Amino acid sequence: MLLATHLMGKTTWHDATEMNTTDALDELWEWGKEELTTEELTNQFLLAKNDMEQTVWHVAAKVRNS
């Protein structure tokens, strides 16, 4: 499942953010809006944490500042 973490402790959402792949991020966001409830979208998708307890927002900030 998309929200499950893989062996590296990240979701697909985290991977796409780290790779700065805007097309993938757009597709994932559209999928989330269509398939998830508001609670799931907020708590499980937008606020999902990786194995370092970082949300995609932390990862995005790090990528942008690199």
Protein backbone atom coordinates (compact mmCIF):
# COMPACT_ATOMS: atom_id res chain seq x y z
CA MET A 1 0.00 0.00 0.00
CA LEU A 2 1.13 3.52 -0.74
CA LEU A 3 1.14 4.66 2.88
CA ALA A 4 3.07 1.66 4.17
CA THR A 5 6.74 2.16 4.93
CA HIS A 6 9.27 0.09 3.04
CA LEU A 7 12.51 -1.41 4.33
CA MET A 8 14.20 1.98 4.45
CA GLY A 9 11.43 3.26 6.74
CA LYS A 10 9.93 5.66 4.21
CA THR A 11 6.66 5.94 2.35
CA THR A 12 6.42 6.51 -1.40
CA TRP A 13 5.41 10.06 -0.51
CA HIS A 14 8.78 10.51 1.29
CA ASP A 15 10.69 8.98 -1.64
CA ALA A 16 9.05 11.29 -4.17
CA THR A 17 9.77 14.30 -1.96
CA GLU A 18 13.43 13.34 -1.51
CA MET A 19 13.86 12.92 -5.26
CA ASN A 20 12.05 16.22 -5.87
CA THR A 21 9.86 14.58 -8.50
CA THR A 22 7.02 17.04 -8.87
CA ASP A 23 5.08 14.86 -11.31
CA ALA A 24 5.06 11.99 -8.83
CA LEU A 25 4.11 14.32 -5.98
CA ASP A 26 1.21 15.70 -8.01
CA GLU A 27 -0.02 12.19 -8.82
CA LEU A 28 0.29 11.06 -5.21
CA TRP A 29 -1.59 14.14 -4.00
CA GLU A 30 -4.40 13.58 -6.50
CA TRP A 31 -4.62 9.92 -5.48
CA GLY A 32 -4.77 10.93 -1.82
CA LYS A 33 -7.56 13.44 -2.37
CA GLU A 34 -9.63 10.88 -4.29
CA GLU A 35 -9.01 7.75 -2.24
CA LEU A 36 -8.52 8.86 1.37
CA THR A 37 -10.86 10.27 3.94
CA THR A 38 -10.02 13.72 5.31
CA GLU A 39 -8.66 12.11 8.48
CA GLU A 40 -6.48 9.65 6.55
CA LEU A 41 -5.27 12.40 4.23
CA THR A 42 -4.25 14.56 7.18
CA ASN A 43 -2.93 12.03 9.67
CA GLN A 44 -1.61 9.19 7.54
CA PHE A 45 -0.57 10.93 4.34
CA LEU A 46 0.45 14.51 5.02
CA LEU A 47 1.85 13.80 8.47
CA ALA A 48 3.37 10.36 7.79
CA LYS A 49 6.82 10.05 9.36
CA ASN A 50 9.85 8.17 8.13
CA ASP A 51 12.18 6.12 10.30
CA MET A 52 13.90 9.33 11.41
CA GLU A 53 10.54 10.75 12.62
CA GLN A 54 10.48 13.31 9.79
CA THR A 55 7.38 14.26 7.85
CA VAL A 56 7.60 14.99 4.13
CA TRP A 57 7.62 18.65 5.09
CA HIS A 58 10.94 18.15 6.93
CA VAL A 59 12.31 16.25 3.94
CA ALA A 60 11.11 18.89 1.48
CA ALA A 61 12.76 21.67 3.46
CA LYS A 62 16.02 19.72 3.53
CA VAL A 63 15.87 19.05 -0.23
CA ARG A 64 15.10 22.67 -1.00
CA ASN A 65 18.03 23.89 1.11
CA SER A 66 20.48 21.45 -0.48
